[in-house]
PDB file of N, CA and C in Angstrom:
ATOM      1  N   UNK A   1      10.334  -9.652  -4.988  1.00  0.00           N
ATOM      2  CA  UNK A   1       9.620  -9.954  -6.217  1.00  0.00           C
ATOM      3  C   UNK A   1       8.369  -9.082  -6.307  1.00  0.00           C
ATOM      4  N   UNK A   2       7.845  -8.987  -7.495  1.00  0.00           N
ATOM      5  CA  UNK A   2       6.647  -8.168  -7.732  1.00  0.00           C
ATOM      6  C   UNK A   2       5.490  -8.611  -6.847  1.00  0.00           C
ATOM      7  N   UNK A   3       5.273  -9.903  -6.765  1.00  0.00           N
ATOM      8  CA  UNK A   3       4.155 -10.428  -5.957  1.00  0.00           C
ATOM      9  C   UNK A   3       4.350 -10.106  -4.473  1.00  0.00           C
ATOM     10  N   UNK A   4       5.569 -10.211  -4.006  1.00  0.00           N
ATOM     11  CA  UNK A   4       5.861  -9.914  -2.593  1.00  0.00           C
ATOM     12  C   UNK A   4       5.604  -8.448  -2.287  1.00  0.00           C
ATOM     13  N   UNK A   5       6.011  -7.576  -3.199  1.00  0.00           N
ATOM     14  CA  UNK A   5       5.788  -6.145  -2.995  1.00  0.00           C
ATOM     15  C   UNK A   5       4.299  -5.840  -2.944  1.00  0.00           C
ATOM     16  N   UNK A   6       3.539  -6.478  -3.804  1.00  0.00           N
ATOM     17  CA  UNK A   6       2.092  -6.275  -3.799  1.00  0.00           C
ATOM     18  C   UNK A   6       1.491  -6.778  -2.489  1.00  0.00           C
ATOM     19  N   UNK A   7       1.914  -7.932  -2.047  1.00  0.00           N
ATOM     20  CA  UNK A   7       1.359  -8.529  -0.831  1.00  0.00           C
ATOM     21  C   UNK A   7       1.785  -7.763   0.428  1.00  0.00           C
ATOM     22  N   UNK A   8       2.890  -7.048   0.376  1.00  0.00           N
ATOM     23  CA  UNK A   8       3.355  -6.292   1.550  1.00  0.00           C
ATOM     24  C   UNK A   8       2.298  -5.283   1.989  1.00  0.00           C
ATOM     25  N   UNK A   9       1.663  -4.620   1.052  1.00  0.00           N
ATOM     26  CA  UNK A   9       0.608  -3.668   1.398  1.00  0.00           C
ATOM     27  C   UNK A   9      -0.578  -4.344   2.050  1.00  0.00           C
ATOM     28  N   UNK A  10      -0.932  -5.515   1.538  1.00  0.00           N
ATOM     29  CA  UNK A  10      -2.045  -6.288   2.111  1.00  0.00           C
ATOM     30  C   UNK A  10      -1.681  -6.734   3.527  1.00  0.00           C
ATOM     31  N   UNK A  11      -0.490  -7.245   3.708  1.00  0.00           N
ATOM     32  CA  UNK A  11      -0.047  -7.728   5.024  1.00  0.00           C
ATOM     33  C   UNK A  11      -0.005  -6.572   6.022  1.00  0.00           C
ATOM     34  N   UNK A  12       0.503  -5.432   5.605  1.00  0.00           N
ATOM     35  CA  UNK A  12       0.552  -4.275   6.509  1.00  0.00           C
ATOM     36  C   UNK A  12      -0.853  -3.838   6.916  1.00  0.00           C
ATOM     37  N   UNK A  13      -1.781  -3.862   5.983  1.00  0.00           N
ATOM     38  CA  UNK A  13      -3.166  -3.514   6.300  1.00  0.00           C
ATOM     39  C   UNK A  13      -3.788  -4.491   7.275  1.00  0.00           C
ATOM     40  N   UNK A  14      -3.522  -5.772   7.076  1.00  0.00           N
ATOM     41  CA  UNK A  14      -4.052  -6.792   7.985  1.00  0.00           C
ATOM     42  C   UNK A  14      -3.427  -6.666   9.362  1.00  0.00           C
ATOM     43  N   UNK A  15      -2.154  -6.332   9.407  1.00  0.00           N
ATOM     44  CA  UNK A  15      -1.479  -6.151  10.703  1.00  0.00           C
ATOM     45  C   UNK A  15      -2.161  -5.051  11.500  1.00  0.00           C
ATOM     46  N   UNK A  16      -2.537  -3.975  10.842  1.00  0.00           N
ATOM     47  CA  UNK A  16      -3.229  -2.884  11.526  1.00  0.00           C
ATOM     48  C   UNK A  16      -4.634  -3.308  11.954  1.00  0.00           C
ATOM     49  N   UNK A  17      -5.329  -4.023  11.079  1.00  0.00           N
ATOM     50  CA  UNK A  17      -6.699  -4.460  11.382  1.00  0.00           C
ATOM     51  C   UNK A  17      -6.758  -5.409  12.571  1.00  0.00           C
ATOM     52  N   UNK A  18      -5.753  -6.259  12.698  1.00  0.00           N
ATOM     53  CA  UNK A  18      -5.770  -7.292  13.736  1.00  0.00           C
ATOM     54  C   UNK A  18      -4.850  -6.972  14.918  1.00  0.00           C
ATOM     55  N   UNK A  19      -4.370  -5.753  14.990  1.00  0.00           N
ATOM     56  CA  UNK A  19      -3.486  -5.363  16.094  1.00  0.00           C
ATOM     57  C   UNK A  19      -4.158  -5.665  17.433  1.00  0.00           C
ATOM     58  N   UNK A  20      -3.428  -6.343  18.308  1.00  0.00           N
ATOM     59  CA  UNK A  20      -3.954  -6.710  19.618  1.00  0.00           C
ATOM     60  C   UNK A  20      -4.689  -8.040  19.639  1.00  0.00           C
ATOM     61  N   UNK A  21      -4.973  -8.597  18.443  1.00  0.00           N
ATOM     62  CA  UNK A  21      -5.664  -9.894  18.372  1.00  0.00           C
ATOM     63  C   UNK A  21      -4.757 -10.985  17.795  1.00  0.00           C
ATOM     64  N   UNK A  22      -4.110 -10.644  16.694  1.00  0.00           N
ATOM     65  CA  UNK A  22      -3.248 -11.594  15.985  1.00  0.00           C
ATOM     66  C   UNK A  22      -1.982 -10.848  15.590  1.00  0.00           C
ATOM     67  N   UNK A  23      -0.842 -11.477  15.760  1.00  0.00           N
ATOM     68  CA  UNK A  23       0.415 -10.888  15.291  1.00  0.00           C
ATOM     69  C   UNK A  23       0.567 -11.230  13.813  1.00  0.00           C
ATOM     70  N   UNK A  24       0.563 -10.224  12.969  1.00  0.00           N
ATOM     71  CA  UNK A  24       0.752 -10.402  11.533  1.00  0.00           C
ATOM     72  C   UNK A  24       2.127  -9.840  11.216  1.00  0.00           C
ATOM     73  N   UNK A  25       3.018 -10.710  10.771  1.00  0.00           N
ATOM     74  CA  UNK A  25       4.411 -10.321  10.571  1.00  0.00           C
ATOM     75  C   UNK A  25       4.854 -10.605   9.147  1.00  0.00           C
ATOM     76  N   UNK A  26       5.744  -9.786   8.649  1.00  0.00           N
ATOM     77  CA  UNK A  26       6.370 -10.032   7.361  1.00  0.00           C
ATOM     78  C   UNK A  26       7.844 -10.319   7.572  1.00  0.00           C
ATOM     79  N   UNK A  27       8.354 -11.252   6.798  1.00  0.00           N
ATOM     80  CA  UNK A  27       9.766 -11.614   6.909  1.00  0.00           C
ATOM     81  C   UNK A  27      10.380 -11.595   5.516  1.00  0.00           C
ATOM     82  N   UNK A  28      11.517 -10.940   5.395  1.00  0.00           N
ATOM     83  CA  UNK A  28      12.261 -10.938   4.149  1.00  0.00           C
ATOM     84  C   UNK A  28      13.140 -12.190   4.141  1.00  0.00           C
ATOM     85  N   UNK A  29      12.838 -13.125   3.252  1.00  0.00           N
ATOM     86  CA  UNK A  29      13.566 -14.402   3.254  1.00  0.00           C
ATOM     87  C   UNK A  29      15.022 -14.246   2.814  1.00  0.00           C
ATOM     88  N   UNK A  30      15.330 -13.153   2.149  1.00  0.00           N
ATOM     89  CA  UNK A  30      16.718 -12.928   1.744  1.00  0.00           C
ATOM     90  C   UNK A  30      17.585 -12.501   2.920  1.00  0.00           C
ATOM     91  N   UNK A  31      17.008 -11.754   3.841  1.00  0.00           N
ATOM     92  CA  UNK A  31      17.782 -11.294   4.988  1.00  0.00           C
ATOM     93  C   UNK A  31      17.591 -12.185   6.217  1.00  0.00           C
ATOM     94  N   UNK A  32      16.602 -13.063   6.160  1.00  0.00           N
ATOM     95  CA  UNK A  32      16.340 -13.980   7.284  1.00  0.00           C
ATOM     96  C   UNK A  32      16.103 -15.398   6.776  1.00  0.00           C
ATOM     97  N   UNK A  33      17.098 -15.977   6.098  1.00  0.00           N
ATOM     98  CA  UNK A  33      16.903 -17.323   5.536  1.00  0.00           C
ATOM     99  C   UNK A  33      16.669 -18.391   6.602  1.00  0.00           C
ATOM    100  N   UNK A  34      17.224 -18.197   7.802  1.00  0.00           N
ATOM    101  CA  UNK A  34      17.028 -19.193   8.852  1.00  0.00           C
ATOM    102  C   UNK A  34      15.563 -19.225   9.299  1.00  0.00           C
ATOM    103  N   UNK A  35      14.916 -18.086   9.299  1.00  0.00           N
ATOM    104  CA  UNK A  35      13.491 -18.036   9.650  1.00  0.00           C
ATOM    105  C   UNK A  35      12.678 -18.728   8.562  1.00  0.00           C
ATOM    106  N   UNK A  36      13.020 -18.491   7.316  1.00  0.00           N
ATOM    107  CA  UNK A  36      12.329 -19.153   6.207  1.00  0.00           C
ATOM    108  C   UNK A  36      12.465 -20.671   6.319  1.00  0.00           C
ATOM    109  N   UNK A  37      13.639 -21.144   6.626  1.00  0.00           N
ATOM    110  CA  UNK A  37      13.850 -22.592   6.783  1.00  0.00           C
ATOM    111  C   UNK A  37      13.047 -23.129   7.960  1.00  0.00           C
ATOM    112  N   UNK A  38      13.058 -22.403   9.053  1.00  0.00           N
ATOM    113  CA  UNK A  38      12.346 -22.837  10.265  1.00  0.00           C
ATOM    114  C   UNK A  38      10.862 -23.056   9.994  1.00  0.00           C
ATOM    115  N   UNK A  39      10.291 -22.201   9.134  1.00  0.00           N
ATOM    116  CA  UNK A  39       8.864 -22.305   8.847  1.00  0.00           C
ATOM    117  C   UNK A  39       8.572 -23.020   7.537  1.00  0.00           C
ATOM    118  N   UNK A  40       9.587 -23.596   6.919  1.00  0.00           N
ATOM    119  CA  UNK A  40       9.397 -24.411   5.727  1.00  0.00           C
ATOM    120  C   UNK A  40       9.011 -23.629   4.486  1.00  0.00           C
ATOM    121  N   UNK A  41       9.426 -22.384   4.410  1.00  0.00           N
ATOM    122  CA  UNK A  41       9.109 -21.562   3.245  1.00  0.00           C
ATOM    123  C   UNK A  41      10.040 -21.955   2.105  1.00  0.00           C
ATOM    124  N   UNK A  42       9.438 -22.369   0.987  1.00  0.00           N
ATOM    125  CA  UNK A  42      10.233 -22.785  -0.156  1.00  0.00           C
ATOM    126  C   UNK A  42      10.077 -21.844  -1.342  1.00  0.00           C
ATOM    127  N   UNK A  43       9.033 -21.049  -1.340  1.00  0.00           N
ATOM    128  CA  UNK A  43       8.791 -20.083  -2.400  1.00  0.00           C
ATOM    129  C   UNK A  43       8.092 -18.875  -1.808  1.00  0.00           C
ATOM    130  N   UNK A  44       8.103 -17.782  -2.535  1.00  0.00           N
ATOM    131  CA  UNK A  44       7.482 -16.561  -2.041  1.00  0.00           C
ATOM    132  C   UNK A  44       6.533 -15.992  -3.090  1.00  0.00           C
ATOM    133  N   UNK A  45       5.515 -15.299  -2.672  1.00  0.00           N
ATOM    134  CA  UNK A  45       5.128 -15.053  -1.290  1.00  0.00           C
ATOM    135  C   UNK A  45       4.570 -16.303  -0.640  1.00  0.00           C
ATOM    136  N   UNK A  46       4.783 -16.401   0.647  1.00  0.00           N
ATOM    137  CA  UNK A  46       4.295 -17.538   1.431  1.00  0.00           C
ATOM    138  C   UNK A  46       3.664 -17.016   2.708  1.00  0.00           C
ATOM    139  N   UNK A  47       2.667 -17.727   3.171  1.00  0.00           N
ATOM    140  CA  UNK A  47       1.970 -17.352   4.398  1.00  0.00           C
ATOM    141  C   UNK A  47       1.929 -18.565   5.301  1.00  0.00           C
ATOM    142  N   UNK A  48       2.404 -18.389   6.517  1.00  0.00           N
ATOM    143  CA  UNK A  48       2.426 -19.465   7.499  1.00  0.00           C
ATOM    144  C   UNK A  48       1.567 -19.005   8.672  1.00  0.00           C
ATOM    145  N   UNK A  49       0.554 -19.785   8.976  1.00  0.00           N
ATOM    146  CA  UNK A  49      -0.372 -19.453  10.059  1.00  0.00           C
ATOM    147  C   UNK A  49      -0.023 -20.309  11.265  1.00  0.00           C
ATOM    148  N   UNK A  50       0.257 -19.652  12.367  1.00  0.00           N
ATOM    149  CA  UNK A  50       0.687 -20.333  13.584  1.00  0.00           C
ATOM    150  C   UNK A  50      -0.323 -20.025  14.688  1.00  0.00           C
ATOM    151  N   UNK A  51      -0.753 -21.072  15.373  1.00  0.00           N
ATOM    152  CA  UNK A  51      -1.659 -20.896  16.506  1.00  0.00           C
ATOM    153  C   UNK A  51      -1.128 -21.713  17.669  1.00  0.00           C
ATOM    154  N   UNK A  52      -0.980 -21.075  18.807  1.00  0.00           N
ATOM    155  CA  UNK A  52      -0.454 -21.734  20.007  1.00  0.00           C
ATOM    156  C   UNK A  52       0.889 -22.414  19.739  1.00  0.00           C
ATOM    157  N   UNK A  53       1.724 -21.757  18.943  1.00  0.00           N
ATOM    158  CA  UNK A  53       3.057 -22.264  18.670  1.00  0.00           C
ATOM    159  C   UNK A  53       3.138 -23.354  17.621  1.00  0.00           C
ATOM    160  N   UNK A  54       2.022 -23.747  17.036  1.00  0.00           N
ATOM    161  CA  UNK A  54       1.994 -24.812  16.036  1.00  0.00           C
ATOM    162  C   UNK A  54       1.576 -24.259  14.672  1.00  0.00           C
ATOM    163  N   UNK A  55       2.231 -24.698  13.623  1.00  0.00           N
ATOM    164  CA  UNK A  55       1.830 -24.310  12.270  1.00  0.00           C
ATOM    165  C   UNK A  55       0.522 -25.024  11.956  1.00  0.00           C
ATOM    166  N   UNK A  56      -0.499 -24.233  11.633  1.00  0.00           N
ATOM    167  CA  UNK A  56      -1.817 -24.819  11.350  1.00  0.00           C
ATOM    168  C   UNK A  56      -2.187 -24.731   9.875  1.00  0.00           C
ATOM    169  N   UNK A  57      -1.487 -23.879   9.126  1.00  0.00           N
ATOM    170  CA  UNK A  57      -1.805 -23.737   7.710  1.00  0.00           C
ATOM    171  C   UNK A  57      -0.653 -23.051   7.002  1.00  0.00           C
ATOM    172  N   UNK A  58      -0.467 -23.434   5.730  1.00  0.00           N
ATOM    173  CA  UNK A  58       0.533 -22.791   4.876  1.00  0.00           C
ATOM    174  C   UNK A  58      -0.142 -22.460   3.549  1.00  0.00           C
ATOM    175  N   UNK A  59       0.166 -21.293   3.039  1.00  0.00           N
ATOM    176  CA  UNK A  59      -0.318 -20.888   1.723  1.00  0.00           C
ATOM    177  C   UNK A  59       0.850 -20.314   0.937  1.00  0.00           C
ATOM    178  N   UNK A  60       0.826 -20.493  -0.355  1.00  0.00           N
ATOM    179  CA  UNK A  60       1.845 -19.912  -1.213  1.00  0.00           C
ATOM    180  C   UNK A  60       1.156 -19.223  -2.375  1.00  0.00           C
ATOM    181  N   UNK A  61       1.673 -18.067  -2.733  1.00  0.00           N
ATOM    182  CA  UNK A  61       1.113 -17.336  -3.859  1.00  0.00           C
ATOM    183  C   UNK A  61       0.540 -16.003  -3.427  1.00  0.00           C
ATOM    184  N   UNK A  62      -0.151 -15.381  -4.364  1.00  0.00           N
ATOM    185  CA  UNK A  62      -0.736 -14.062  -4.126  1.00  0.00           C
ATOM    186  C   UNK A  62      -2.219 -14.229  -3.807  1.00  0.00           C
ATOM    187  N   UNK A  63      -2.676 -13.551  -2.758  1.00  0.00           N
ATOM    188  CA  UNK A  63      -4.063 -13.656  -2.312  1.00  0.00           C
ATOM    189  C   UNK A  63      -4.636 -12.270  -2.087  1.00  0.00           C
ATOM    190  N   UNK A  64      -5.952 -12.180  -2.147  1.00  0.00           N
ATOM    191  CA  UNK A  64      -6.609 -10.914  -1.851  1.00  0.00           C
ATOM    192  C   UNK A  64      -6.646 -10.714  -0.339  1.00  0.00           C
ATOM    193  N   UNK A  65      -6.882  -9.489   0.066  1.00  0.00           N
ATOM    194  CA  UNK A  65      -7.017  -9.212   1.493  1.00  0.00           C
ATOM    195  C   UNK A  65      -8.174 -10.009   2.076  1.00  0.00           C
ATOM    196  N   UNK A  66      -9.267 -10.103   1.342  1.00  0.00           N
ATOM    197  CA  UNK A  66     -10.438 -10.840   1.832  1.00  0.00           C
ATOM    198  C   UNK A  66     -10.108 -12.316   2.041  1.00  0.00           C
ATOM    199  N   UNK A  67      -9.351 -12.903   1.138  1.00  0.00           N
ATOM    200  CA  UNK A  67      -8.978 -14.319   1.280  1.00  0.00           C
ATOM    201  C   UNK A  67      -8.116 -14.532   2.521  1.00  0.00           C
ATOM    202  N   UNK A  68      -7.136 -13.671   2.715  1.00  0.00           N
ATOM    203  CA  UNK A  68      -6.270 -13.820   3.885  1.00  0.00           C
ATOM    204  C   UNK A  68      -7.040 -13.536   5.169  1.00  0.00           C
ATOM    205  N   UNK A  69      -7.961 -12.592   5.104  1.00  0.00           N
ATOM    206  CA  UNK A  69      -8.780 -12.269   6.276  1.00  0.00           C
ATOM    207  C   UNK A  69      -9.591 -13.499   6.717  1.00  0.00           C
ATOM    208  N   UNK A  70     -10.106 -14.258   5.772  1.00  0.00           N
ATOM    209  CA  UNK A  70     -10.854 -15.486   6.109  1.00  0.00           C
ATOM    210  C   UNK A  70      -9.976 -16.460   6.874  1.00  0.00           C
ATOM    211  N   UNK A  71      -8.752 -16.616   6.432  1.00  0.00           N
ATOM    212  CA  UNK A  71      -7.827 -17.537   7.109  1.00  0.00           C
ATOM    213  C   UNK A  71      -7.494 -17.025   8.514  1.00  0.00           C
ATOM    214  N   UNK A  72      -7.290 -15.721   8.638  1.00  0.00           N
ATOM    215  CA  UNK A  72      -6.994 -15.157   9.958  1.00  0.00           C
ATOM    216  C   UNK A  72      -8.186 -15.294  10.895  1.00  0.00           C
ATOM    217  N   UNK A  73      -9.376 -15.072  10.382  1.00  0.00           N
ATOM    218  CA  UNK A  73     -10.579 -15.205  11.215  1.00  0.00           C
ATOM    219  C   UNK A  73     -10.718 -16.618  11.754  1.00  0.00           C
ATOM    220  N   UNK A  74     -10.317 -17.611  10.969  1.00  0.00           N
ATOM    221  CA  UNK A  74     -10.407 -19.003  11.439  1.00  0.00           C
ATOM    222  C   UNK A  74      -9.485 -19.239  12.638  1.00  0.00           C
ATOM    223  N   UNK A  75      -8.401 -18.468  12.741  1.00  0.00           N
ATOM    224  CA  UNK A  75      -7.487 -18.606  13.872  1.00  0.00           C
ATOM    225  C   UNK A  75      -8.100 -18.065  15.163  1.00  0.00           C
ATOM    226  N   UNK A  76      -9.029 -17.138  15.028  1.00  0.00           N
ATOM    227  CA  UNK A  76      -9.653 -16.532  16.200  1.00  0.00           C
ATOM    228  C   UNK A  76     -10.733 -17.406  16.802  1.00  0.00           C
ATOM    229  N   UNK A  77     -11.145 -18.427  16.107  1.00  0.00           N
ATOM    230  CA  UNK A  77     -12.230 -19.294  16.598  1.00  0.00           C
ATOM    231  C   UNK A  77     -11.705 -20.371  17.499  1.00  0.00           C
TER     232      UNK A  77
END
Protein backbone atom coordinates (compact mmCIF):
# COMPACT_ATOMS: atom_id res chain seq x y z
CA UNK A 1 0.00 0.00 0.00
CA UNK A 2 1.02 3.62 -0.42
CA UNK A 3 1.41 4.13 3.33
CA UNK A 4 3.56 1.02 3.68
CA UNK A 5 5.85 2.14 0.87
CA UNK A 6 6.27 5.52 2.52
CA UNK A 7 6.98 3.96 5.91
CA UNK A 8 9.54 1.54 4.43
CA UNK A 9 11.99 4.41 3.95
CA UNK A 10 11.46 5.56 7.53
CA UNK A 11 11.91 2.02 8.88
CA UNK A 12 15.08 1.49 6.85
CA UNK A 13 16.50 4.76 8.17
CA UNK A 14 15.69 3.80 11.74
CA UNK A 15 17.25 0.38 11.24
CA UNK A 16 20.51 2.05 10.25
CA UNK A 17 20.33 4.57 13.12
CA UNK A 18 19.76 1.89 15.75
CA UNK A 19 22.02 -0.82 14.32
CA UNK A 20 23.65 -2.70 17.19
CA UNK A 21 21.14 -1.35 19.74
CA UNK A 22 17.68 -2.34 18.53
CA UNK A 23 16.64 -4.74 15.77
CA UNK A 24 14.31 -2.82 13.46
CA UNK A 25 12.67 -5.20 11.02
CA UNK A 26 10.12 -4.93 8.25
CA UNK A 27 7.79 -7.76 7.37
CA UNK A 28 5.65 -8.08 4.26
CA UNK A 29 2.34 -9.40 5.59
CA UNK A 30 1.41 -10.77 2.17
CA UNK A 31 4.42 -13.05 2.01
CA UNK A 32 4.58 -13.77 5.76
CA UNK A 33 0.97 -13.99 6.98
CA UNK A 34 1.94 -16.35 9.82
CA UNK A 35 4.27 -13.69 11.24
CA UNK A 36 1.50 -11.10 10.99
CA UNK A 37 -0.86 -13.41 12.89
CA UNK A 38 1.77 -14.18 15.52
CA UNK A 39 2.15 -10.48 16.29
CA UNK A 40 -1.55 -9.65 16.00
CA UNK A 41 -1.23 -7.41 12.96
CA UNK A 42 -4.70 -6.70 11.61
CA UNK A 43 -3.99 -3.70 9.39
CA UNK A 44 -1.00 -2.07 7.77
CA UNK A 45 1.19 -0.26 8.30
CA UNK A 46 1.61 -1.65 11.79
CA UNK A 47 4.42 -1.39 14.30
CA UNK A 48 4.98 -3.94 17.03
CA UNK A 49 7.52 -3.11 19.72
CA UNK A 50 9.03 -6.11 21.46
CA UNK A 51 11.31 -5.97 24.49
CA UNK A 52 12.79 -9.06 26.12
CA UNK A 53 10.52 -11.26 24.01
CA UNK A 54 7.31 -9.51 25.10
CA UNK A 55 5.13 -7.18 23.04
CA UNK A 56 5.19 -3.86 24.87
CA UNK A 57 3.44 -1.61 22.36
CA UNK A 58 1.48 -1.71 19.11
CA UNK A 59 0.86 1.14 16.71
CA UNK A 60 -1.10 1.25 13.49
CA UNK A 61 -0.96 3.88 10.79
CA UNK A 62 1.59 6.24 9.33
CA UNK A 63 4.05 7.99 11.66
CA UNK A 64 6.93 10.39 11.29
CA UNK A 65 10.48 9.24 11.90
CA UNK A 66 10.58 11.44 15.01
CA UNK A 67 7.44 9.80 16.42
CA UNK A 68 8.79 6.29 15.90
CA UNK A 69 12.17 7.33 17.27
CA UNK A 70 10.48 8.37 20.54
CA UNK A 71 8.92 4.93 20.87
CA UNK A 72 12.23 3.21 20.12
CA UNK A 73 14.07 5.38 22.64
CA UNK A 74 11.61 4.27 25.33
CA UNK A 75 12.71 0.67 24.68
CA UNK A 76 16.31 1.58 25.47
CA UNK A 77 15.45 2.81 28.96
